[in-house]
PDB file of all heavy atoms in Angstrom:
ATOM      1  N   SER A   1       7.922   9.703  17.340  1.00  0.00           N
ATOM      2  CA  SER A   1       7.123  10.778  16.728  1.00  0.00           C
ATOM      3  C   SER A   1       7.078  10.599  15.211  1.00  0.00           C
ATOM      4  O   SER A   1       7.949   9.971  14.609  1.00  0.00           O
ATOM      5  CB  SER A   1       7.729  12.138  17.077  1.00  0.00           C
ATOM      6  OG  SER A   1       9.034  12.237  16.542  1.00  0.00           O
ATOM      7  N   HIS A   2       6.044  11.157  14.598  1.00  0.00           N
ATOM      8  CA  HIS A   2       5.919  11.082  13.152  1.00  0.00           C
ATOM      9  C   HIS A   2       5.232  12.331  12.633  1.00  0.00           C
ATOM     10  O   HIS A   2       4.506  13.015  13.360  1.00  0.00           O
ATOM     11  CB  HIS A   2       5.127   9.837  12.731  1.00  0.00           C
ATOM     12  CG  HIS A   2       3.763   9.758  13.340  1.00  0.00           C
ATOM     13  ND1 HIS A   2       3.541   9.107  14.533  1.00  0.00           N
ATOM     14  CD2 HIS A   2       2.560  10.248  12.944  1.00  0.00           C
ATOM     15  CE1 HIS A   2       2.266   9.198  14.858  1.00  0.00           C
ATOM     16  NE2 HIS A   2       1.637   9.890  13.907  1.00  0.00           N
ATOM     17  N   THR A   3       5.494  12.663  11.384  1.00  0.00           N
ATOM     18  CA  THR A   3       4.856  13.810  10.739  1.00  0.00           C
ATOM     19  C   THR A   3       4.161  13.333   9.476  1.00  0.00           C
ATOM     20  O   THR A   3       4.421  12.226   8.983  1.00  0.00           O
ATOM     21  CB  THR A   3       5.892  14.888  10.368  1.00  0.00           C
ATOM     22  OG1 THR A   3       6.871  14.325   9.477  1.00  0.00           O
ATOM     23  CG2 THR A   3       6.589  15.430  11.612  1.00  0.00           C
ATOM     24  N   PHE A   4       3.286  14.182   8.960  1.00  0.00           N
ATOM     25  CA  PHE A   4       2.565  13.849   7.733  1.00  0.00           C
ATOM     26  C   PHE A   4       2.784  14.950   6.708  1.00  0.00           C
ATOM     27  O   PHE A   4       2.640  16.138   7.019  1.00  0.00           O
ATOM     28  CB  PHE A   4       1.069  13.676   8.010  1.00  0.00           C
ATOM     29  CG  PHE A   4       0.237  13.589   6.760  1.00  0.00           C
ATOM     30  CD1 PHE A   4       0.388  12.525   5.888  1.00  0.00           C
ATOM     31  CD2 PHE A   4      -0.669  14.588   6.436  1.00  0.00           C
ATOM     32  CE1 PHE A   4      -0.350  12.455   4.718  1.00  0.00           C
ATOM     33  CE2 PHE A   4      -1.421  14.521   5.281  1.00  0.00           C
ATOM     34  CZ  PHE A   4      -1.260  13.457   4.419  1.00  0.00           C
ATOM     35  N   ASP A   5       3.104  14.560   5.474  1.00  0.00           N
ATOM     36  CA  ASP A   5       3.356  15.492   4.373  1.00  0.00           C
ATOM     37  C   ASP A   5       2.228  15.368   3.352  1.00  0.00           C
ATOM     38  O   ASP A   5       2.229  14.468   2.511  1.00  0.00           O
ATOM     39  CB  ASP A   5       4.715  15.166   3.733  1.00  0.00           C
ATOM     40  CG  ASP A   5       5.145  16.186   2.688  1.00  0.00           C
ATOM     41  OD1 ASP A   5       4.271  16.858   2.105  1.00  0.00           O
ATOM     42  OD2 ASP A   5       6.360  16.284   2.432  1.00  0.00           O
ATOM     43  N   TRP A   6       1.257  16.267   3.438  1.00  0.00           N
ATOM     44  CA  TRP A   6       0.101  16.247   2.535  1.00  0.00           C
ATOM     45  C   TRP A   6       0.541  16.354   1.073  1.00  0.00           C
ATOM     46  O   TRP A   6       0.060  15.624   0.208  1.00  0.00           O
ATOM     47  CB  TRP A   6      -0.837  17.402   2.899  1.00  0.00           C
ATOM     48  CG  TRP A   6      -2.084  17.505   2.070  1.00  0.00           C
ATOM     49  CD1 TRP A   6      -2.180  17.929   0.781  1.00  0.00           C
ATOM     50  CD2 TRP A   6      -3.418  17.167   2.491  1.00  0.00           C
ATOM     51  NE1 TRP A   6      -3.499  17.897   0.363  1.00  0.00           N
ATOM     52  CE2 TRP A   6      -4.275  17.438   1.389  1.00  0.00           C
ATOM     53  CE3 TRP A   6      -3.965  16.704   3.669  1.00  0.00           C
ATOM     54  CZ2 TRP A   6      -5.652  17.241   1.455  1.00  0.00           C
ATOM     55  CZ3 TRP A   6      -5.334  16.505   3.743  1.00  0.00           C
ATOM     56  CH2 TRP A   6      -6.165  16.761   2.637  1.00  0.00           C
ATOM     57  N   GLY A   7       1.470  17.267   0.796  1.00  0.00           N
ATOM     58  CA  GLY A   7       1.922  17.486  -0.576  1.00  0.00           C
ATOM     59  C   GLY A   7       2.557  16.249  -1.182  1.00  0.00           C
ATOM     60  O   GLY A   7       2.366  15.951  -2.370  1.00  0.00           O
ATOM     61  N   PHE A   8       3.332  15.516  -0.380  1.00  0.00           N
ATOM     62  CA  PHE A   8       3.969  14.293  -0.871  1.00  0.00           C
ATOM     63  C   PHE A   8       2.911  13.268  -1.253  1.00  0.00           C
ATOM     64  O   PHE A   8       2.984  12.652  -2.321  1.00  0.00           O
ATOM     65  CB  PHE A   8       4.886  13.716   0.207  1.00  0.00           C
ATOM     66  CG  PHE A   8       5.547  12.423  -0.181  1.00  0.00           C
ATOM     67  CD1 PHE A   8       6.781  12.420  -0.820  1.00  0.00           C
ATOM     68  CD2 PHE A   8       4.929  11.201   0.078  1.00  0.00           C
ATOM     69  CE1 PHE A   8       7.388  11.219  -1.199  1.00  0.00           C
ATOM     70  CE2 PHE A   8       5.521   9.997  -0.292  1.00  0.00           C
ATOM     71  CZ  PHE A   8       6.750  10.007  -0.930  1.00  0.00           C
ATOM     72  N   LEU A   9       1.908  13.072  -0.370  1.00  0.00           N
ATOM     73  CA  LEU A   9       0.868  12.087  -0.665  1.00  0.00           C
ATOM     74  C   LEU A   9       0.055  12.509  -1.883  1.00  0.00           C
ATOM     75  O   LEU A   9      -0.295  11.671  -2.717  1.00  0.00           O
ATOM     76  CB  LEU A   9      -0.048  11.904   0.551  1.00  0.00           C
ATOM     77  CG  LEU A   9      -1.173  10.873   0.380  1.00  0.00           C
ATOM     78  CD1 LEU A   9      -0.626   9.500  -0.001  1.00  0.00           C
ATOM     79  CD2 LEU A   9      -2.009  10.772   1.653  1.00  0.00           C
ATOM     80  N   LYS A  10      -0.238  13.807  -2.005  1.00  0.00           N
ATOM     81  CA  LYS A  10      -0.989  14.283  -3.172  1.00  0.00           C
ATOM     82  C   LYS A  10      -0.237  13.987  -4.463  1.00  0.00           C
ATOM     83  O   LYS A  10      -0.815  13.508  -5.455  1.00  0.00           O
ATOM     84  CB  LYS A  10      -1.265  15.780  -3.075  1.00  0.00           C
ATOM     85  CG  LYS A  10      -2.042  16.323  -4.294  1.00  0.00           C
ATOM     86  CD  LYS A  10      -2.177  17.831  -4.257  1.00  0.00           C
ATOM     87  CE  LYS A  10      -3.062  18.314  -5.402  1.00  0.00           C
ATOM     88  NZ  LYS A  10      -2.540  17.987  -6.742  1.00  0.00           N
ATOM     89  N   GLN A  11       1.052  14.266  -4.473  1.00  0.00           N
ATOM     90  CA  GLN A  11       1.846  14.031  -5.680  1.00  0.00           C
ATOM     91  C   GLN A  11       1.868  12.550  -6.047  1.00  0.00           C
ATOM     92  O   GLN A  11       1.705  12.181  -7.216  1.00  0.00           O
ATOM     93  CB  GLN A  11       3.269  14.546  -5.471  1.00  0.00           C
ATOM     94  CG  GLN A  11       4.144  14.450  -6.729  1.00  0.00           C
ATOM     95  CD  GLN A  11       5.525  15.050  -6.497  1.00  0.00           C
ATOM     96  OE1 GLN A  11       5.944  15.275  -5.367  1.00  0.00           O
ATOM     97  NE2 GLN A  11       6.243  15.311  -7.580  1.00  0.00           N
ATOM     98  N   ALA A  12       2.042  11.685  -5.047  1.00  0.00           N
ATOM     99  CA  ALA A  12       2.059  10.244  -5.308  1.00  0.00           C
ATOM    100  C   ALA A  12       0.692   9.766  -5.774  1.00  0.00           C
ATOM    101  O   ALA A  12       0.578   8.948  -6.699  1.00  0.00           O
ATOM    102  CB  ALA A  12       2.483   9.493  -4.038  1.00  0.00           C
ATOM    103  N   ARG A  13      -0.358  10.275  -5.138  1.00  0.00           N
ATOM    104  CA  ARG A  13      -1.727   9.899  -5.514  1.00  0.00           C
ATOM    105  C   ARG A  13      -2.055  10.327  -6.935  1.00  0.00           C
ATOM    106  O   ARG A  13      -2.622   9.571  -7.733  1.00  0.00           O
ATOM    107  CB  ARG A  13      -2.705  10.561  -4.534  1.00  0.00           C
ATOM    108  CG  ARG A  13      -4.159  10.188  -4.713  1.00  0.00           C
ATOM    109  CD  ARG A  13      -5.050  11.215  -4.051  1.00  0.00           C
ATOM    110  NE  ARG A  13      -5.033  12.462  -4.780  1.00  0.00           N
ATOM    111  CZ  ARG A  13      -5.099  13.667  -4.206  1.00  0.00           C
ATOM    112  NH1 ARG A  13      -5.154  13.790  -2.899  1.00  0.00           N
ATOM    113  NH2 ARG A  13      -5.098  14.760  -4.960  1.00  0.00           N
ATOM    114  N   ASP A  14      -1.701  11.567  -7.279  1.00  0.00           N
ATOM    115  CA  ASP A  14      -1.977  12.069  -8.625  1.00  0.00           C
ATOM    116  C   ASP A  14      -1.219  11.280  -9.687  1.00  0.00           C
ATOM    117  O   ASP A  14      -1.726  11.034 -10.782  1.00  0.00           O
ATOM    118  CB  ASP A  14      -1.606  13.555  -8.728  1.00  0.00           C
ATOM    119  CG  ASP A  14      -2.538  14.452  -7.924  1.00  0.00           C
ATOM    120  OD1 ASP A  14      -3.550  13.943  -7.399  1.00  0.00           O
ATOM    121  OD2 ASP A  14      -2.247  15.656  -7.813  1.00  0.00           O
ATOM    122  N   GLY A  15       0.011  10.866  -9.341  1.00  0.00           N
ATOM    123  CA  GLY A  15       0.785  10.048 -10.276  1.00  0.00           C
ATOM    124  C   GLY A  15       0.129   8.695 -10.513  1.00  0.00           C
ATOM    125  O   GLY A  15       0.114   8.185 -11.638  1.00  0.00           O
ATOM    126  N   TYR A  16      -0.423   8.132  -9.456  1.00  0.00           N
ATOM    127  CA  TYR A  16      -1.125   6.846  -9.571  1.00  0.00           C
ATOM    128  C   TYR A  16      -2.363   6.990 -10.452  1.00  0.00           C
ATOM    129  O   TYR A  16      -2.619   6.162 -11.330  1.00  0.00           O
ATOM    130  CB  TYR A  16      -1.505   6.367  -8.171  1.00  0.00           C
ATOM    131  CG  TYR A  16      -2.345   5.107  -8.147  1.00  0.00           C
ATOM    132  CD1 TYR A  16      -1.883   3.923  -8.701  1.00  0.00           C
ATOM    133  CD2 TYR A  16      -3.594   5.107  -7.552  1.00  0.00           C
ATOM    134  CE1 TYR A  16      -2.651   2.765  -8.665  1.00  0.00           C
ATOM    135  CE2 TYR A  16      -4.374   3.958  -7.511  1.00  0.00           C
ATOM    136  CZ  TYR A  16      -3.898   2.791  -8.080  1.00  0.00           C
ATOM    137  OH  TYR A  16      -4.664   1.659  -8.048  1.00  0.00           O
ATOM    138  N   VAL A  17      -3.138   8.053 -10.239  1.00  0.00           N
ATOM    139  CA  VAL A  17      -4.340   8.279 -11.047  1.00  0.00           C
ATOM    140  C   VAL A  17      -3.962   8.498 -12.510  1.00  0.00           C
ATOM    141  O   VAL A  17      -4.630   7.975 -13.417  1.00  0.00           O
ATOM    142  CB  VAL A  17      -5.131   9.482 -10.496  1.00  0.00           C
ATOM    143  CG1 VAL A  17      -6.232   9.904 -11.474  1.00  0.00           C
ATOM    144  CG2 VAL A  17      -5.737   9.151  -9.138  1.00  0.00           C
ATOM    145  N   LYS A  18      -2.902   9.251 -12.757  1.00  0.00           N
ATOM    146  CA  LYS A  18      -2.468   9.499 -14.132  1.00  0.00           C
ATOM    147  C   LYS A  18      -2.078   8.192 -14.823  1.00  0.00           C
ATOM    148  O   LYS A  18      -2.337   7.994 -16.017  1.00  0.00           O
ATOM    149  CB  LYS A  18      -1.289  10.477 -14.139  1.00  0.00           C
ATOM    150  CG  LYS A  18      -0.894  10.934 -15.528  1.00  0.00           C
ATOM    151  CD  LYS A  18       0.167  12.028 -15.473  1.00  0.00           C
ATOM    152  CE  LYS A  18       0.514  12.525 -16.868  1.00  0.00           C
ATOM    153  NZ  LYS A  18       1.540  13.611 -16.816  1.00  0.00           N
ATOM    154  N   ARG A  19      -1.460   7.289 -14.068  1.00  0.00           N
ATOM    155  CA  ARG A  19      -1.111   5.988 -14.641  1.00  0.00           C
ATOM    156  C   ARG A  19      -2.370   5.204 -15.019  1.00  0.00           C
ATOM    157  O   ARG A  19      -2.433   4.556 -16.065  1.00  0.00           O
ATOM    158  CB  ARG A  19      -0.264   5.183 -13.649  1.00  0.00           C
ATOM    159  CG  ARG A  19       0.247   3.858 -14.204  1.00  0.00           C
ATOM    160  CD  ARG A  19       1.367   3.301 -13.334  1.00  0.00           C
ATOM    161  NE  ARG A  19       0.889   2.919 -12.023  1.00  0.00           N
ATOM    162  CZ  ARG A  19       0.354   1.721 -11.735  1.00  0.00           C
ATOM    163  NH1 ARG A  19       0.232   0.816 -12.699  1.00  0.00           N
ATOM    164  NH2 ARG A  19      -0.029   1.427 -10.520  1.00  0.00           N
ATOM    165  N   LEU A  20      -3.402   5.298 -14.186  1.00  0.00           N
ATOM    166  CA  LEU A  20      -4.666   4.631 -14.504  1.00  0.00           C
ATOM    167  C   LEU A  20      -5.310   5.242 -15.750  1.00  0.00           C
ATOM    168  O   LEU A  20      -5.862   4.519 -16.588  1.00  0.00           O
ATOM    169  CB  LEU A  20      -5.625   4.730 -13.318  1.00  0.00           C
ATOM    170  CG  LEU A  20      -5.244   3.957 -12.063  1.00  0.00           C
ATOM    171  CD1 LEU A  20      -6.278   4.192 -10.971  1.00  0.00           C
ATOM    172  CD2 LEU A  20      -5.104   2.468 -12.345  1.00  0.00           C
ATOM    173  N   ASN A  21      -5.233   6.588 -15.883  1.00  0.00           N
ATOM    174  CA  ASN A  21      -5.753   7.232 -17.088  1.00  0.00           C
ATOM    175  C   ASN A  21      -5.076   6.655 -18.332  1.00  0.00           C
ATOM    176  O   ASN A  21      -5.734   6.383 -19.350  1.00  0.00           O
ATOM    177  CB  ASN A  21      -5.485   8.741 -17.054  1.00  0.00           C
ATOM    178  CG  ASN A  21      -6.200   9.468 -15.934  1.00  0.00           C
ATOM    179  OD1 ASN A  21      -5.673  10.446 -15.399  1.00  0.00           O
ATOM    180  ND2 ASN A  21      -7.375   9.022 -15.557  1.00  0.00           N
ATOM    181  N   GLY A  22      -3.763   6.459 -18.244  1.00  0.00           N
ATOM    182  CA  GLY A  22      -3.021   5.914 -19.377  1.00  0.00           C
ATOM    183  C   GLY A  22      -3.406   4.482 -19.687  1.00  0.00           C
ATOM    184  O   GLY A  22      -3.498   4.085 -20.858  1.00  0.00           O
ATOM    185  N   ILE A  23      -3.656   3.690 -18.639  1.00  0.00           N
ATOM    186  CA  ILE A  23      -4.079   2.300 -18.846  1.00  0.00           C
ATOM    187  C   ILE A  23      -5.420   2.252 -19.551  1.00  0.00           C
ATOM    188  O   ILE A  23      -5.634   1.463 -20.482  1.00  0.00           O
ATOM    189  CB  ILE A  23      -4.125   1.556 -17.495  1.00  0.00           C
ATOM    190  CG1 ILE A  23      -2.704   1.363 -16.951  1.00  0.00           C
ATOM    191  CG2 ILE A  23      -4.829   0.205 -17.642  1.00  0.00           C
ATOM    192  CD1 ILE A  23      -2.656   0.836 -15.529  1.00  0.00           C
ATOM    193  N   TYR A  24      -6.351   3.113 -19.122  1.00  0.00           N
ATOM    194  CA  TYR A  24      -7.651   3.173 -19.795  1.00  0.00           C
ATOM    195  C   TYR A  24      -7.493   3.540 -21.264  1.00  0.00           C
ATOM    196  O   TYR A  24      -8.108   2.930 -22.144  1.00  0.00           O
ATOM    197  CB  TYR A  24      -8.555   4.196 -19.110  1.00  0.00           C
ATOM    198  CG  TYR A  24      -9.355   3.643 -17.960  1.00  0.00           C
ATOM    199  CD1 TYR A  24      -9.049   3.980 -16.645  1.00  0.00           C
ATOM    200  CD2 TYR A  24     -10.435   2.787 -18.179  1.00  0.00           C
ATOM    201  CE1 TYR A  24      -9.779   3.483 -15.582  1.00  0.00           C
ATOM    202  CE2 TYR A  24     -11.176   2.285 -17.127  1.00  0.00           C
ATOM    203  CZ  TYR A  24     -10.846   2.628 -15.834  1.00  0.00           C
ATOM    204  OH  TYR A  24     -11.582   2.129 -14.779  1.00  0.00           O
ATOM    205  N   ALA A  25      -6.680   4.553 -21.551  1.00  0.00           N
ATOM    206  CA  ALA A  25      -6.479   4.985 -22.940  1.00  0.00           C
ATOM    207  C   ALA A  25      -5.858   3.871 -23.779  1.00  0.00           C
ATOM    208  O   ALA A  25      -6.252   3.651 -24.926  1.00  0.00           O
ATOM    209  CB  ALA A  25      -5.601   6.239 -22.976  1.00  0.00           C
ATOM    210  N   THR A  26      -4.902   3.151 -23.193  1.00  0.00           N
ATOM    211  CA  THR A  26      -4.264   2.046 -23.908  1.00  0.00           C
ATOM    212  C   THR A  26      -5.269   0.938 -24.206  1.00  0.00           C
ATOM    213  O   THR A  26      -5.308   0.401 -25.325  1.00  0.00           O
ATOM    214  CB  THR A  26      -3.102   1.485 -23.064  1.00  0.00           C
ATOM    215  OG1 THR A  26      -2.117   2.509 -22.896  1.00  0.00           O
ATOM    216  CG2 THR A  26      -2.466   0.289 -23.752  1.00  0.00           C
ATOM    217  N   ASN A  27      -6.092   0.590 -23.222  1.00  0.00           N
ATOM    218  CA  ASN A  27      -7.082  -0.474 -23.424  1.00  0.00           C
ATOM    219  C   ASN A  27      -8.123  -0.103 -24.460  1.00  0.00           C
ATOM    220  O   ASN A  27      -8.552  -0.939 -25.267  1.00  0.00           O
ATOM    221  CB  ASN A  27      -7.761  -0.811 -22.092  1.00  0.00           C
ATOM    222  CG  ASN A  27      -6.858  -1.564 -21.147  1.00  0.00           C
ATOM    223  OD1 ASN A  27      -5.871  -2.168 -21.559  1.00  0.00           O
ATOM    224  ND2 ASN A  27      -7.177  -1.526 -19.867  1.00  0.00           N
ATOM    225  N   VAL A  28      -8.546   1.153 -24.455  1.00  0.00           N
ATOM    226  CA  VAL A  28      -9.521   1.623 -25.442  1.00  0.00           C
ATOM    227  C   VAL A  28      -8.945   1.505 -26.847  1.00  0.00           C
ATOM    228  O   VAL A  28      -9.598   1.009 -27.775  1.00  0.00           O
ATOM    229  CB  VAL A  28      -9.929   3.079 -25.120  1.00  0.00           C
ATOM    230  CG1 VAL A  28     -10.596   3.732 -26.316  1.00  0.00           C
ATOM    231  CG2 VAL A  28     -10.873   3.111 -23.931  1.00  0.00           C
ATOM    232  N   ALA A  29      -7.705   1.963 -27.017  1.00  0.00           N
ATOM    233  CA  ALA A  29      -7.070   1.886 -28.339  1.00  0.00           C
ATOM    234  C   ALA A  29      -6.848   0.441 -28.763  1.00  0.00           C
ATOM    235  O   ALA A  29      -7.052   0.083 -29.933  1.00  0.00           O
ATOM    236  CB  ALA A  29      -5.736   2.637 -28.308  1.00  0.00           C
ATOM    237  N   LYS A  30      -6.449  -0.405 -27.811  1.00  0.00           N
ATOM    238  CA  LYS A  30      -6.180  -1.804 -28.101  1.00  0.00           C
ATOM    239  C   LYS A  30      -7.430  -2.527 -28.596  1.00  0.00           C
ATOM    240  O   LYS A  30      -7.352  -3.452 -29.409  1.00  0.00           O
ATOM    241  CB  LYS A  30      -5.640  -2.484 -26.832  1.00  0.00           C
ATOM    242  CG  LYS A  30      -5.064  -3.874 -27.042  1.00  0.00           C
ATOM    243  CD  LYS A  30      -4.595  -4.461 -25.710  1.00  0.00           C
ATOM    244  CE  LYS A  30      -3.493  -3.612 -25.103  1.00  0.00           C
ATOM    245  NZ  LYS A  30      -2.993  -4.206 -23.819  1.00  0.00           N
ATOM    246  N   GLU A  31      -8.588  -2.088 -28.115  1.00  0.00           N
ATOM    247  CA  GLU A  31      -9.838  -2.741 -28.489  1.00  0.00           C
ATOM    248  C   GLU A  31     -10.577  -2.009 -29.597  1.00  0.00           C
ATOM    249  O   GLU A  31     -11.773  -2.221 -29.816  1.00  0.00           O
ATOM    250  CB  GLU A  31     -10.706  -2.907 -27.238  1.00  0.00           C
ATOM    251  CG  GLU A  31     -10.034  -3.831 -26.230  1.00  0.00           C
ATOM    252  CD  GLU A  31     -10.844  -4.011 -24.958  1.00  0.00           C
ATOM    253  OE1 GLU A  31     -12.079  -3.880 -25.022  1.00  0.00           O
ATOM    254  OE2 GLU A  31     -10.235  -4.292 -23.914  1.00  0.00           O
ATOM    255  N   ASN A  32      -9.848  -1.102 -30.278  1.00  0.00           N
ATOM    256  CA  ASN A  32     -10.371  -0.407 -31.460  1.00  0.00           C
ATOM    257  C   ASN A  32     -11.581   0.470 -31.168  1.00  0.00           C
ATOM    258  O   ASN A  32     -12.476   0.625 -32.005  1.00  0.00           O
ATOM    259  CB  ASN A  32     -10.713  -1.409 -32.574  1.00  0.00           C
ATOM    260  CG  ASN A  32      -9.488  -2.143 -33.087  1.00  0.00           C
ATOM    261  OD1 ASN A  32      -8.441  -1.530 -33.302  1.00  0.00           O
ATOM    262  ND2 ASN A  32      -9.595  -3.451 -33.241  1.00  0.00           N
ATOM    263  N   VAL A  33     -11.611   1.036 -29.982  1.00  0.00           N
ATOM    264  CA  VAL A  33     -12.596   2.070 -29.664  1.00  0.00           C
ATOM    265  C   VAL A  33     -11.926   3.417 -29.901  1.00  0.00           C
ATOM    266  O   VAL A  33     -10.835   3.661 -29.394  1.00  0.00           O
ATOM    267  CB  VAL A  33     -13.063   1.963 -28.207  1.00  0.00           C
ATOM    268  CG1 VAL A  33     -13.971   3.136 -27.845  1.00  0.00           C
ATOM    269  CG2 VAL A  33     -13.784   0.643 -27.968  1.00  0.00           C
ATOM    270  N   GLU A  34     -12.574   4.287 -30.666  1.00  0.00           N
ATOM    271  CA  GLU A  34     -11.984   5.594 -30.946  1.00  0.00           C
ATOM    272  C   GLU A  34     -12.310   6.558 -29.808  1.00  0.00           C
ATOM    273  O   GLU A  34     -13.476   6.765 -29.468  1.00  0.00           O
ATOM    274  CB  GLU A  34     -12.495   6.157 -32.262  1.00  0.00           C
ATOM    275  CG  GLU A  34     -11.844   7.488 -32.616  1.00  0.00           C
ATOM    276  CD  GLU A  34     -12.099   7.942 -34.044  1.00  0.00           C
ATOM    277  OE1 GLU A  34     -12.459   7.094 -34.882  1.00  0.00           O
ATOM    278  OE2 GLU A  34     -11.928   9.148 -34.310  1.00  0.00           O
ATOM    279  N   TYR A  35     -11.287   7.145 -29.237  1.00  0.00           N
ATOM    280  CA  TYR A  35     -11.449   8.117 -28.151  1.00  0.00           C
ATOM    281  C   TYR A  35     -11.490   9.511 -28.758  1.00  0.00           C
ATOM    282  O   TYR A  35     -10.531   9.951 -29.391  1.00  0.00           O
ATOM    283  CB  TYR A  35     -10.300   7.961 -27.175  1.00  0.00           C
ATOM    284  CG  TYR A  35     -10.152   9.049 -26.124  1.00  0.00           C
ATOM    285  CD1 TYR A  35     -11.242   9.762 -25.644  1.00  0.00           C
ATOM    286  CD2 TYR A  35      -8.892   9.335 -25.592  1.00  0.00           C
ATOM    287  CE1 TYR A  35     -11.085  10.739 -24.682  1.00  0.00           C
ATOM    288  CE2 TYR A  35      -8.728  10.304 -24.624  1.00  0.00           C
ATOM    289  CZ  TYR A  35      -9.821  11.009 -24.168  1.00  0.00           C
ATOM    290  OH  TYR A  35      -9.659  11.975 -23.219  1.00  0.00           O
ATOM    291  N   VAL A  36     -12.601  10.221 -28.582  1.00  0.00           N
ATOM    292  CA  VAL A  36     -12.775  11.568 -29.105  1.00  0.00           C
ATOM    293  C   VAL A  36     -12.776  12.534 -27.922  1.00  0.00           C
ATOM    294  O   VAL A  36     -13.639  12.456 -27.045  1.00  0.00           O
ATOM    295  CB  VAL A  36     -14.086  11.701 -29.905  1.00  0.00           C
ATOM    296  CG1 VAL A  36     -14.223  13.114 -30.462  1.00  0.00           C
ATOM    297  CG2 VAL A  36     -14.143  10.665 -31.021  1.00  0.00           C
TER     298      VAL A  36
END
């Protein structure tokens, strides 16, 4: 038998997306694009 935890997957998914947001911000700054 197995169960599914929606909240656990949401938290992990949101953390992954937040990491991607940070990568985008880092790349923009690295290439001298000003983020407003």
